PDB file of N, CA and C in Angstrom:
ATOM      1  N   UNK A   1     142.554 100.491 104.819  1.00  0.00           N
ATOM      2  CA  UNK A   1     141.046 101.066 104.175  1.00  0.00           C
ATOM      3  C   UNK A   1     140.373  99.953 104.198  1.00  0.00           C
ATOM      4  N   UNK A   2     139.468 100.586 105.358  1.00  0.00           N
ATOM      5  CA  UNK A   2     137.773  99.373 106.230  1.00  0.00           C
ATOM      6  C   UNK A   2     137.749  98.487 105.258  1.00  0.00           C
ATOM      7  N   UNK A   3     137.498  97.576 105.574  1.00  0.00           N
ATOM      8  CA  UNK A   3     136.637  96.341 104.866  1.00  0.00           C
ATOM      9  C   UNK A   3     134.987  96.680 104.746  1.00  0.00           C
ATOM     10  N   UNK A   4     134.495  96.783 104.236  1.00  0.00           N
ATOM     11  CA  UNK A   4     132.869  97.277 104.484  1.00  0.00           C
ATOM     12  C   UNK A   4     132.198  95.691 104.304  1.00  0.00           C
ATOM     13  N   UNK A   5     132.743  94.560 104.401  1.00  0.00           N
ATOM     14  CA  UNK A   5     131.782  93.118 104.473  1.00  0.00           C
ATOM     15  C   UNK A   5     131.463  92.634 105.929  1.00  0.00           C
ATOM     16  N   UNK A   6     130.796  92.120 105.861  1.00  0.00           N
ATOM     17  CA  UNK A   6     130.218  91.598 107.363  1.00  0.00           C
ATOM     18  C   UNK A   6     131.440  90.915 107.992  1.00  0.00           C
ATOM     19  N   UNK A   7     131.502  90.848 109.290  1.00  0.00           N
ATOM     20  CA  UNK A   7     132.556  90.266 110.075  1.00  0.00           C
ATOM     21  C   UNK A   7     133.292  91.373 110.409  1.00  0.00           C
ATOM     22  N   UNK A   8     133.642  92.559 110.312  1.00  0.00           N
ATOM     23  CA  UNK A   8     134.205  94.011 110.989  1.00  0.00           C
ATOM     24  C   UNK A   8     133.556  93.767 111.902  1.00  0.00           C
ATOM     25  N   UNK A   9     132.256  94.466 112.027  1.00  0.00           N
ATOM     26  CA  UNK A   9     131.276  94.780 112.861  1.00  0.00           C
ATOM     27  C   UNK A   9     129.724  93.952 112.277  1.00  0.00           C
ATOM     28  N   UNK A  10     129.272  93.648 113.220  1.00  0.00           N
ATOM     29  CA  UNK A  10     127.453  93.236 112.693  1.00  0.00           C
ATOM     30  C   UNK A  10     126.973  93.970 113.685  1.00  0.00           C
ATOM     31  N   UNK A  11     125.890  94.297 113.363  1.00  0.00           N
ATOM     32  CA  UNK A  11     124.508  95.119 113.948  1.00  0.00           C
ATOM     33  C   UNK A  11     123.284  94.697 113.264  1.00  0.00           C
ATOM     34  N   UNK A  12     122.484  94.633 114.286  1.00  0.00           N
ATOM     35  CA  UNK A  12     120.915  94.597 113.465  1.00  0.00           C
ATOM     36  C   UNK A  12     119.919  95.215 113.918  1.00  0.00           C
ATOM     37  N   UNK A  13     118.954  95.409 113.117  1.00  0.00           N
ATOM     38  CA  UNK A  13     117.848  95.583 113.409  1.00  0.00           C
ATOM     39  C   UNK A  13     116.787  94.561 113.517  1.00  0.00           C
ATOM     40  N   UNK A  14     116.039  94.516 114.250  1.00  0.00           N
ATOM     41  CA  UNK A  14     115.164  93.624 114.571  1.00  0.00           C
ATOM     42  C   UNK A  14     113.706  93.815 115.106  1.00  0.00           C
ATOM     43  N   UNK A  15     112.798  93.017 114.768  1.00  0.00           N
ATOM     44  CA  UNK A  15     111.416  93.027 115.117  1.00  0.00           C
ATOM     45  C   UNK A  15     110.833  91.571 116.172  1.00  0.00           C
ATOM     46  N   UNK A  16     110.583  91.821 117.135  1.00  0.00           N
ATOM     47  CA  UNK A  16     109.538  90.774 117.672  1.00  0.00           C
ATOM     48  C   UNK A  16     108.366  91.223 117.980  1.00  0.00           C
ATOM     49  N   UNK A  17     107.934  89.976 118.106  1.00  0.00           N
ATOM     50  CA  UNK A  17     106.389  89.856 118.473  1.00  0.00           C
ATOM     51  C   UNK A  17     105.580  89.007 119.652  1.00  0.00           C
ATOM     52  N   UNK A  18     104.628  89.304 119.879  1.00  0.00           N
ATOM     53  CA  UNK A  18     103.899  88.457 121.187  1.00  0.00           C
ATOM     54  C   UNK A  18     103.218  87.080 120.303  1.00  0.00           C
ATOM     55  N   UNK A  19     103.246  85.773 121.357  1.00  0.00           N
ATOM     56  CA  UNK A  19     102.741  84.986 120.562  1.00  0.00           C
ATOM     57  C   UNK A  19     101.406  84.652 119.442  1.00  0.00           C
ATOM     58  N   UNK A  20     100.595  86.096 119.648  1.00  0.00           N
ATOM     59  CA  UNK A  20      99.438  86.450 118.670  1.00  0.00           C
ATOM     60  C   UNK A  20      99.700  87.214 117.785  1.00  0.00           C
ATOM     61  N   UNK A  21     100.877  87.914 117.978  1.00  0.00           N
ATOM     62  CA  UNK A  21     101.497  88.289 116.934  1.00  0.00           C
ATOM     63  C   UNK A  21     100.488  89.767 116.559  1.00  0.00           C
ATOM     64  N   UNK A  22     100.474  90.174 117.654  1.00  0.00           N
ATOM     65  CA  UNK A  22      99.661  91.682 117.646  1.00  0.00           C
ATOM     66  C   UNK A  22     100.244  92.973 118.117  1.00  0.00           C
ATOM     67  N   UNK A  23     101.262  92.454 118.794  1.00  0.00           N
ATOM     68  CA  UNK A  23     101.886  93.599 119.275  1.00  0.00           C
ATOM     69  C   UNK A  23     103.366  93.731 118.845  1.00  0.00           C
ATOM     70  N   UNK A  24     104.043  94.780 117.961  1.00  0.00           N
ATOM     71  CA  UNK A  24     105.269  94.426 117.762  1.00  0.00           C
ATOM     72  C   UNK A  24     106.229  95.666 118.694  1.00  0.00           C
ATOM     73  N   UNK A  25     107.728  95.213 118.388  1.00  0.00           N
ATOM     74  CA  UNK A  25     108.632  95.857 119.150  1.00  0.00           C
ATOM     75  C   UNK A  25     109.802  96.339 118.014  1.00  0.00           C
ATOM     76  N   UNK A  26     110.294  97.174 117.829  1.00  0.00           N
ATOM     77  CA  UNK A  26     111.764  97.278 116.891  1.00  0.00           C
ATOM     78  C   UNK A  26     112.808  97.440 117.313  1.00  0.00           C
ATOM     79  N   UNK A  27     114.109  97.540 117.576  1.00  0.00           N
ATOM     80  CA  UNK A  27     115.033  97.192 118.313  1.00  0.00           C
ATOM     81  C   UNK A  27     116.223  97.043 117.389  1.00  0.00           C
ATOM     82  N   UNK A  28     117.389  97.961 118.007  1.00  0.00           N
ATOM     83  CA  UNK A  28     118.749  97.266 117.479  1.00  0.00           C
ATOM     84  C   UNK A  28     120.024  96.853 118.325  1.00  0.00           C
ATOM     85  N   UNK A  29     120.859  96.259 117.935  1.00  0.00           N
ATOM     86  CA  UNK A  29     121.907  95.495 118.541  1.00  0.00           C
ATOM     87  C   UNK A  29     122.485  95.359 118.005  1.00  0.00           C
ATOM     88  N   UNK A  30     123.908  94.829 118.339  1.00  0.00           N
ATOM     89  CA  UNK A  30     125.275  94.055 118.022  1.00  0.00           C
ATOM     90  C   UNK A  30     125.183  92.725 118.539  1.00  0.00           C
ATOM     91  N   UNK A  31     124.323  92.446 119.340  1.00  0.00           N
ATOM     92  CA  UNK A  31     124.402  90.950 119.390  1.00  0.00           C
ATOM     93  C   UNK A  31     122.842  90.616 119.830  1.00  0.00           C
ATOM     94  N   UNK A  32     122.487  89.639 118.899  1.00  0.00           N
ATOM     95  CA  UNK A  32     121.132  89.835 118.437  1.00  0.00           C
ATOM     96  C   UNK A  32     120.676  88.488 119.480  1.00  0.00           C
ATOM     97  N   UNK A  33     121.608  87.223 119.682  1.00  0.00           N
ATOM     98  CA  UNK A  33     121.317  85.964 120.470  1.00  0.00           C
ATOM     99  C   UNK A  33     120.816  86.706 122.056  1.00  0.00           C
ATOM    100  N   UNK A  34     122.094  87.835 122.273  1.00  0.00           N
ATOM    101  CA  UNK A  34     121.626  87.749 123.540  1.00  0.00           C
ATOM    102  C   UNK A  34     120.755  89.237 124.242  1.00  0.00           C
ATOM    103  N   UNK A  35     120.501  89.612 123.039  1.00  0.00           N
ATOM    104  CA  UNK A  35     119.405  90.898 123.224  1.00  0.00           C
ATOM    105  C   UNK A  35     117.787  90.306 123.277  1.00  0.00           C
ATOM    106  N   UNK A  36     117.623  88.763 122.421  1.00  0.00           N
ATOM    107  CA  UNK A  36     116.490  87.975 122.686  1.00  0.00           C
ATOM    108  C   UNK A  36     116.315  87.679 123.974  1.00  0.00           C
ATOM    109  N   UNK A  37     117.447  86.787 124.447  1.00  0.00           N
ATOM    110  CA  UNK A  37     117.392  86.308 125.960  1.00  0.00           C
ATOM    111  C   UNK A  37     116.723  87.545 126.985  1.00  0.00           C
ATOM    112  N   UNK A  38     117.590  88.836 126.648  1.00  0.00           N
ATOM    113  CA  UNK A  38     117.059  89.691 127.639  1.00  0.00           C
ATOM    114  C   UNK A  38     115.736  90.145 127.664  1.00  0.00           C
ATOM    115  N   UNK A  39     115.229  89.798 126.185  1.00  0.00           N
ATOM    116  CA  UNK A  39     113.435  90.293 126.003  1.00  0.00           C
ATOM    117  C   UNK A  39     112.750  89.247 126.649  1.00  0.00           C
ATOM    118  N   UNK A  40     113.354  87.972 126.482  1.00  0.00           N
ATOM    119  CA  UNK A  40     112.699  86.752 126.699  1.00  0.00           C
ATOM    120  C   UNK A  40     112.206  86.900 128.331  1.00  0.00           C
ATOM    121  N   UNK A  41     113.611  87.071 128.792  1.00  0.00           N
ATOM    122  CA  UNK A  41     114.206  86.770 130.426  1.00  0.00           C
ATOM    123  C   UNK A  41     113.094  88.342 131.362  1.00  0.00           C
ATOM    124  N   UNK A  42     112.688  89.492 130.324  1.00  0.00           N
ATOM    125  CA  UNK A  42     112.463  90.442 130.803  1.00  0.00           C
ATOM    126  C   UNK A  42     113.615  91.626 131.891  1.00  0.00           C
ATOM    127  N   UNK A  43     115.081  91.027 131.011  1.00  0.00           N
ATOM    128  CA  UNK A  43     115.994  92.046 131.653  1.00  0.00           C
ATOM    129  C   UNK A  43     115.889  93.506 131.147  1.00  0.00           C
ATOM    130  N   UNK A  44     116.491  94.310 132.199  1.00  0.00           N
ATOM    131  CA  UNK A  44     116.526  95.604 131.519  1.00  0.00           C
ATOM    132  C   UNK A  44     118.024  96.035 131.271  1.00  0.00           C
ATOM    133  N   UNK A  45     117.979  96.636 129.822  1.00  0.00           N
ATOM    134  CA  UNK A  45     119.239  96.713 128.936  1.00  0.00           C
ATOM    135  C   UNK A  45     119.360  98.388 129.157  1.00  0.00           C
ATOM    136  N   UNK A  46     120.724  98.258 129.463  1.00  0.00           N
ATOM    137  CA  UNK A  46     121.149 100.234 129.230  1.00  0.00           C
ATOM    138  C   UNK A  46     119.940 100.966 130.333  1.00  0.00           C
ATOM    139  N   UNK A  47     119.736 100.036 131.396  1.00  0.00           N
ATOM    140  CA  UNK A  47     119.024 100.652 132.718  1.00  0.00           C
ATOM    141  C   UNK A  47     117.473 101.454 131.926  1.00  0.00           C
ATOM    142  N   UNK A  48     117.021 100.640 130.785  1.00  0.00           N
ATOM    143  CA  UNK A  48     115.851 101.177 130.418  1.00  0.00           C
ATOM    144  C   UNK A  48     114.595 100.037 130.994  1.00  0.00           C
ATOM    145  N   UNK A  49     113.436 100.066 131.344  1.00  0.00           N
ATOM    146  CA  UNK A  49     112.492  98.778 131.544  1.00  0.00           C
ATOM    147  C   UNK A  49     111.854  99.082 130.301  1.00  0.00           C
ATOM    148  N   UNK A  50     111.359  97.905 129.796  1.00  0.00           N
ATOM    149  CA  UNK A  50     110.691  97.272 128.806  1.00  0.00           C
ATOM    150  C   UNK A  50     109.290  96.940 129.155  1.00  0.00           C
ATOM    151  N   UNK A  51     108.693  98.026 129.776  1.00  0.00           N
ATOM    152  CA  UNK A  51     107.572  97.588 130.462  1.00  0.00           C
ATOM    153  C   UNK A  51     106.089  96.863 129.119  1.00  0.00           C
ATOM    154  N   UNK A  52     106.167  97.621 128.162  1.00  0.00           N
ATOM    155  CA  UNK A  52     105.371  97.004 127.328  1.00  0.00           C
ATOM    156  C   UNK A  52     106.132  96.036 126.621  1.00  0.00           C
ATOM    157  N   UNK A  53     107.115  95.286 126.656  1.00  0.00           N
ATOM    158  CA  UNK A  53     107.366  94.064 126.128  1.00  0.00           C
ATOM    159  C   UNK A  53     107.032  92.871 127.334  1.00  0.00           C
ATOM    160  N   UNK A  54     106.729  93.284 128.690  1.00  0.00           N
ATOM    161  CA  UNK A  54     106.407  92.362 129.645  1.00  0.00           C
ATOM    162  C   UNK A  54     104.885  92.523 129.469  1.00  0.00           C
ATOM    163  N   UNK A  55     104.626  93.431 129.534  1.00  0.00           N
ATOM    164  CA  UNK A  55     102.959  93.887 129.314  1.00  0.00           C
ATOM    165  C   UNK A  55     102.179  92.656 128.466  1.00  0.00           C
ATOM    166  N   UNK A  56     102.793  93.114 127.246  1.00  0.00           N
ATOM    167  CA  UNK A  56     102.535  91.859 125.929  1.00  0.00           C
ATOM    168  C   UNK A  56     103.129  90.568 125.322  1.00  0.00           C
ATOM    169  N   UNK A  57     104.033  90.354 126.520  1.00  0.00           N
ATOM    170  CA  UNK A  57     104.944  89.264 126.244  1.00  0.00           C
ATOM    171  C   UNK A  57     105.540  89.142 124.616  1.00  0.00           C
ATOM    172  N   UNK A  58     105.982  90.506 124.513  1.00  0.00           N
ATOM    173  CA  UNK A  58     106.648  90.685 123.283  1.00  0.00           C
ATOM    174  C   UNK A  58     108.250  89.659 123.098  1.00  0.00           C
ATOM    175  N   UNK A  59     108.257  88.879 122.612  1.00  0.00           N
ATOM    176  CA  UNK A  59     109.757  88.182 122.762  1.00  0.00           C
ATOM    177  C   UNK A  59     110.415  87.114 121.158  1.00  0.00           C
ATOM    178  N   UNK A  60     109.087  87.010 120.786  1.00  0.00           N
ATOM    179  CA  UNK A  60     109.421  86.398 119.537  1.00  0.00           C
ATOM    180  C   UNK A  60     109.738  87.025 118.504  1.00  0.00           C
ATOM    181  N   UNK A  61     111.228  86.288 117.699  1.00  0.00           N
ATOM    182  CA  UNK A  61     111.636  87.445 116.410  1.00  0.00           C
ATOM    183  C   UNK A  61     110.937  86.930 115.433  1.00  0.00           C
ATOM    184  N   UNK A  62     110.597  87.841 114.548  1.00  0.00           N
ATOM    185  CA  UNK A  62     110.117  87.488 113.103  1.00  0.00           C
ATOM    186  C   UNK A  62     110.995  88.057 111.961  1.00  0.00           C
ATOM    187  N   UNK A  63     111.642  89.267 112.413  1.00  0.00           N
ATOM    188  CA  UNK A  63     112.105  89.974 111.099  1.00  0.00           C
ATOM    189  C   UNK A  63     113.610  90.494 111.582  1.00  0.00           C
ATOM    190  N   UNK A  64     114.570  90.669 111.211  1.00  0.00           N
ATOM    191  CA  UNK A  64     116.073  91.401 111.273  1.00  0.00           C
ATOM    192  C   UNK A  64     116.602  91.455 110.054  1.00  0.00           C
ATOM    193  N   UNK A  65     117.742  92.541 109.994  1.00  0.00           N
ATOM    194  CA  UNK A  65     118.673  92.776 109.222  1.00  0.00           C
ATOM    195  C   UNK A  65     119.834  92.904 109.585  1.00  0.00           C
ATOM    196  N   UNK A  66     120.877  92.641 109.037  1.00  0.00           N
ATOM    197  CA  UNK A  66     121.785  92.966 109.674  1.00  0.00           C
ATOM    198  C   UNK A  66     122.617  94.114 108.702  1.00  0.00           C
ATOM    199  N   UNK A  67     123.719  94.971 109.272  1.00  0.00           N
ATOM    200  CA  UNK A  67     124.394  95.931 109.086  1.00  0.00           C
ATOM    201  C   UNK A  67     125.690  96.009 109.402  1.00  0.00           C
ATOM    202  N   UNK A  68     126.738  96.580 108.996  1.00  0.00           N
ATOM    203  CA  UNK A  68     128.227  96.638 109.237  1.00  0.00           C
ATOM    204  C   UNK A  68     128.215  98.100 110.466  1.00  0.00           C
ATOM    205  N   UNK A  69     127.843  99.029 109.714  1.00  0.00           N
ATOM    206  CA  UNK A  69     127.794 100.221 110.540  1.00  0.00           C
ATOM    207  C   UNK A  69     126.452 100.195 111.664  1.00  0.00           C
ATOM    208  N   UNK A  70     126.831 100.688 112.569  1.00  0.00           N
ATOM    209  CA  UNK A  70     126.250 101.303 113.504  1.00  0.00           C
ATOM    210  C   UNK A  70     125.280 102.317 113.141  1.00  0.00           C
ATOM    211  N   UNK A  71     125.664 103.284 112.604  1.00  0.00           N
ATOM    212  CA  UNK A  71     124.799 104.106 112.310  1.00  0.00           C
ATOM    213  C   UNK A  71     123.868 103.866 111.019  1.00  0.00           C
ATOM    214  N   UNK A  72     123.708 102.962 110.412  1.00  0.00           N
ATOM    215  CA  UNK A  72     122.780 102.469 109.332  1.00  0.00           C
ATOM    216  C   UNK A  72     121.947 102.023 109.932  1.00  0.00           C
ATOM    217  N   UNK A  73     122.465 100.947 110.892  1.00  0.00           N
ATOM    218  CA  UNK A  73     121.332 100.671 111.800  1.00  0.00           C
ATOM    219  C   UNK A  73     120.217 100.981 112.181  1.00  0.00           C
ATOM    220  N   UNK A  74     120.996 102.268 113.168  1.00  0.00           N
ATOM    221  CA  UNK A  74     120.229 103.003 113.729  1.00  0.00           C
ATOM    222  C   UNK A  74     119.264 103.741 112.859  1.00  0.00           C
ATOM    223  N   UNK A  75     119.691 104.374 111.475  1.00  0.00           N
ATOM    224  CA  UNK A  75     118.747 104.867 110.903  1.00  0.00           C
ATOM    225  C   UNK A  75     117.566 104.292 110.194  1.00  0.00           C
ATOM    226  N   UNK A  76     118.173 102.815 110.078  1.00  0.00           N
ATOM    227  CA  UNK A  76     116.927 101.877 109.595  1.00  0.00           C
ATOM    228  C   UNK A  76     115.608 101.745 110.602  1.00  0.00           C
ATOM    229  N   UNK A  77     116.627 101.766 111.865  1.00  0.00           N
ATOM    230  CA  UNK A  77     115.500 101.387 112.815  1.00  0.00           C
ATOM    231  C   UNK A  77     114.642 102.592 112.920  1.00  0.00           C
ATOM    232  N   UNK A  78     114.681 103.938 113.186  1.00  0.00           N
ATOM    233  CA  UNK A  78     114.403 104.994 113.110  1.00  0.00           C
ATOM    234  C   UNK A  78     113.229 105.054 112.120  1.00  0.00           C
ATOM    235  N   UNK A  79     113.570 104.611 110.732  1.00  0.00           N
ATOM    236  CA  UNK A  79     112.734 104.733 109.724  1.00  0.00           C
ATOM    237  C   UNK A  79     111.956 103.574 109.952  1.00  0.00           C
ATOM    238  N   UNK A  80     111.781 102.606 110.233  1.00  0.00           N
ATOM    239  CA  UNK A  80     111.114 101.072 110.269  1.00  0.00           C
ATOM    240  C   UNK A  80     110.031 101.524 111.395  1.00  0.00           C
ATOM    241  N   UNK A  81     110.561 102.635 112.756  1.00  0.00           N
ATOM    242  CA  UNK A  81     109.717 102.884 113.739  1.00  0.00           C
ATOM    243  C   UNK A  81     108.346 104.005 113.029  1.00  0.00           C
ATOM    244  N   UNK A  82     108.762 104.605 112.361  1.00  0.00           N
ATOM    245  CA  UNK A  82     107.604 105.673 111.771  1.00  0.00           C
ATOM    246  C   UNK A  82     106.622 105.093 110.833  1.00  0.00           C
ATOM    247  N   UNK A  83     106.791 103.559 110.356  1.00  0.00           N
ATOM    248  CA  UNK A  83     105.950 103.261 109.900  1.00  0.00           C
ATOM    249  C   UNK A  83     104.810 102.826 110.336  1.00  0.00           C
ATOM    250  N   UNK A  84     103.685 102.693 109.196  1.00  0.00           N
ATOM    251  CA  UNK A  84     102.245 102.285 110.066  1.00  0.00           C
ATOM    252  C   UNK A  84     102.524 100.530 109.693  1.00  0.00           C
ATOM    253  N   UNK A  85     101.532 100.135 110.922  1.00  0.00           N
ATOM    254  CA  UNK A  85     101.503  98.562 111.440  1.00  0.00           C
ATOM    255  C   UNK A  85     101.363  97.986 109.982  1.00  0.00           C
ATOM    256  N   UNK A  86     100.287  98.373 109.144  1.00  0.00           N
ATOM    257  CA  UNK A  86     100.154  97.369 107.888  1.00  0.00           C
ATOM    258  C   UNK A  86     101.725  97.640 107.294  1.00  0.00           C
ATOM    259  N   UNK A  87     102.468  98.592 107.097  1.00  0.00           N
ATOM    260  CA  UNK A  87     103.373  98.583 106.247  1.00  0.00           C
ATOM    261  C   UNK A  87     104.726  97.541 106.886  1.00  0.00           C
ATOM    262  N   UNK A  88     104.699  97.811 107.995  1.00  0.00           N
ATOM    263  CA  UNK A  88     105.717  96.977 108.650  1.00  0.00           C
ATOM    264  C   UNK A  88     105.052  95.748 108.586  1.00  0.00           C
ATOM    265  N   UNK A  89     104.265  95.011 108.690  1.00  0.00           N
ATOM    266  CA  UNK A  89     103.543  93.711 108.615  1.00  0.00           C
ATOM    267  C   UNK A  89     104.006  92.843 107.044  1.00  0.00           C
ATOM    268  N   UNK A  90     103.800  94.146 106.152  1.00  0.00           N
ATOM    269  CA  UNK A  90     104.369  93.750 104.829  1.00  0.00           C
ATOM    270  C   UNK A  90     105.760  93.414 104.368  1.00  0.00           C
ATOM    271  N   UNK A  91     106.319  94.188 105.448  1.00  0.00           N
ATOM    272  CA  UNK A  91     108.046  93.906 105.294  1.00  0.00           C
ATOM    273  C   UNK A  91     108.264  92.810 105.715  1.00  0.00           C
ATOM    274  N   UNK A  92     107.688  92.460 107.098  1.00  0.00           N
ATOM    275  CA  UNK A  92     107.795  91.466 107.478  1.00  0.00           C
ATOM    276  C   UNK A  92     107.616  89.993 106.989  1.00  0.00           C
ATOM    277  N   UNK A  93     106.023  90.279 106.186  1.00  0.00           N
ATOM    278  CA  UNK A  93     105.749  89.172 105.423  1.00  0.00           C
ATOM    279  C   UNK A  93     106.608  88.802 103.968  1.00  0.00           C
ATOM    280  N   UNK A  94     107.175  90.010 103.428  1.00  0.00           N
ATOM    281  CA  UNK A  94     108.314  89.928 102.488  1.00  0.00           C
ATOM    282  C   UNK A  94     109.396  88.963 103.078  1.00  0.00           C
ATOM    283  N   UNK A  95     109.858  89.066 103.774  1.00  0.00           N
ATOM    284  CA  UNK A  95     111.107  88.451 104.509  1.00  0.00           C
ATOM    285  C   UNK A  95     110.756  87.220 105.038  1.00  0.00           C
ATOM    286  N   UNK A  96     109.453  86.649 105.475  1.00  0.00           N
ATOM    287  CA  UNK A  96     109.239  86.047 106.345  1.00  0.00           C
ATOM    288  C   UNK A  96     107.836  85.509 106.466  1.00  0.00           C
ATOM    289  N   UNK A  97     107.230  84.655 104.922  1.00  0.00           N
ATOM    290  CA  UNK A  97     106.102  85.045 104.489  1.00  0.00           C
ATOM    291  C   UNK A  97     105.306  83.958 105.310  1.00  0.00           C
ATOM    292  N   UNK A  98     105.708  83.048 106.172  1.00  0.00           N
ATOM    293  CA  UNK A  98     104.994  82.206 107.218  1.00  0.00           C
ATOM    294  C   UNK A  98     104.780  82.491 108.225  1.00  0.00           C
ATOM    295  N   UNK A  99     105.482  83.643 108.587  1.00  0.00           N
ATOM    296  CA  UNK A  99     105.526  84.432 109.937  1.00  0.00           C
ATOM    297  C   UNK A  99     105.740  83.764 111.343  1.00  0.00           C
ATOM    298  N   UNK A 100     106.811  82.920 110.759  1.00  0.00           N
ATOM    299  CA  UNK A 100     107.132  81.631 112.137  1.00  0.00           C
ATOM    300  C   UNK A 100     108.062  82.845 112.956  1.00  0.00           C
ATOM    301  N   UNK A 101     108.569  82.481 113.777  1.00  0.00           N
ATOM    302  CA  UNK A 101     109.284  82.733 114.596  1.00  0.00           C
ATOM    303  C   UNK A 101     110.773  82.280 114.426  1.00  0.00           C
ATOM    304  N   UNK A 102     111.742  82.770 114.601  1.00  0.00           N
ATOM    305  CA  UNK A 102     112.791  82.880 113.672  1.00  0.00           C
ATOM    306  C   UNK A 102     114.066  83.078 115.265  1.00  0.00           C
ATOM    307  N   UNK A 103     113.602  82.944 116.323  1.00  0.00           N
ATOM    308  CA  UNK A 103     114.390  82.679 117.149  1.00  0.00           C
ATOM    309  C   UNK A 103     115.422  81.629 117.069  1.00  0.00           C
ATOM    310  N   UNK A 104     115.176  80.493 116.601  1.00  0.00           N
ATOM    311  CA  UNK A 104     115.959  79.377 116.405  1.00  0.00           C
ATOM    312  C   UNK A 104     117.152  79.471 115.839  1.00  0.00           C
ATOM    313  N   UNK A 105     117.181  80.869 114.951  1.00  0.00           N
ATOM    314  CA  UNK A 105     118.259  81.090 114.178  1.00  0.00           C
ATOM    315  C   UNK A 105     119.483  81.253 115.097  1.00  0.00           C
ATOM    316  N   UNK A 106     119.242  81.873 116.190  1.00  0.00           N
ATOM    317  CA  UNK A 106     120.357  82.436 117.124  1.00  0.00           C
ATOM    318  C   UNK A 106     119.994  81.862 118.565  1.00  0.00           C
ATOM    319  N   UNK A 107     119.686  80.942 118.571  1.00  0.00           N
ATOM    320  CA  UNK A 107     119.476  80.130 120.024  1.00  0.00           C
ATOM    321  C   UNK A 107     120.672  78.927 119.881  1.00  0.00           C
TER     322      UNK A 107
END
């Protein structure tokens, strides 16, 4: 039987922003450290370009959630992407009240 505890697989949904905290991007990954590096270096992932990320310099982690199952992570990502900006901001502030950049936790 599969153990649903962390460690079997870990997937993340994450929110990154620019240095002014005015533009946001929500994504999903199984390697948050690598994905943050890719955003910072404007590296293409899965043959997609991230024009909006590079245009607004969206590269600073402000929010994340962990999941054991990829389908749970993708469902949550889709849910958050539908939210209005003010609701997303409230979620981030509940998790990260000072709105600090959390990249160092994965550096």
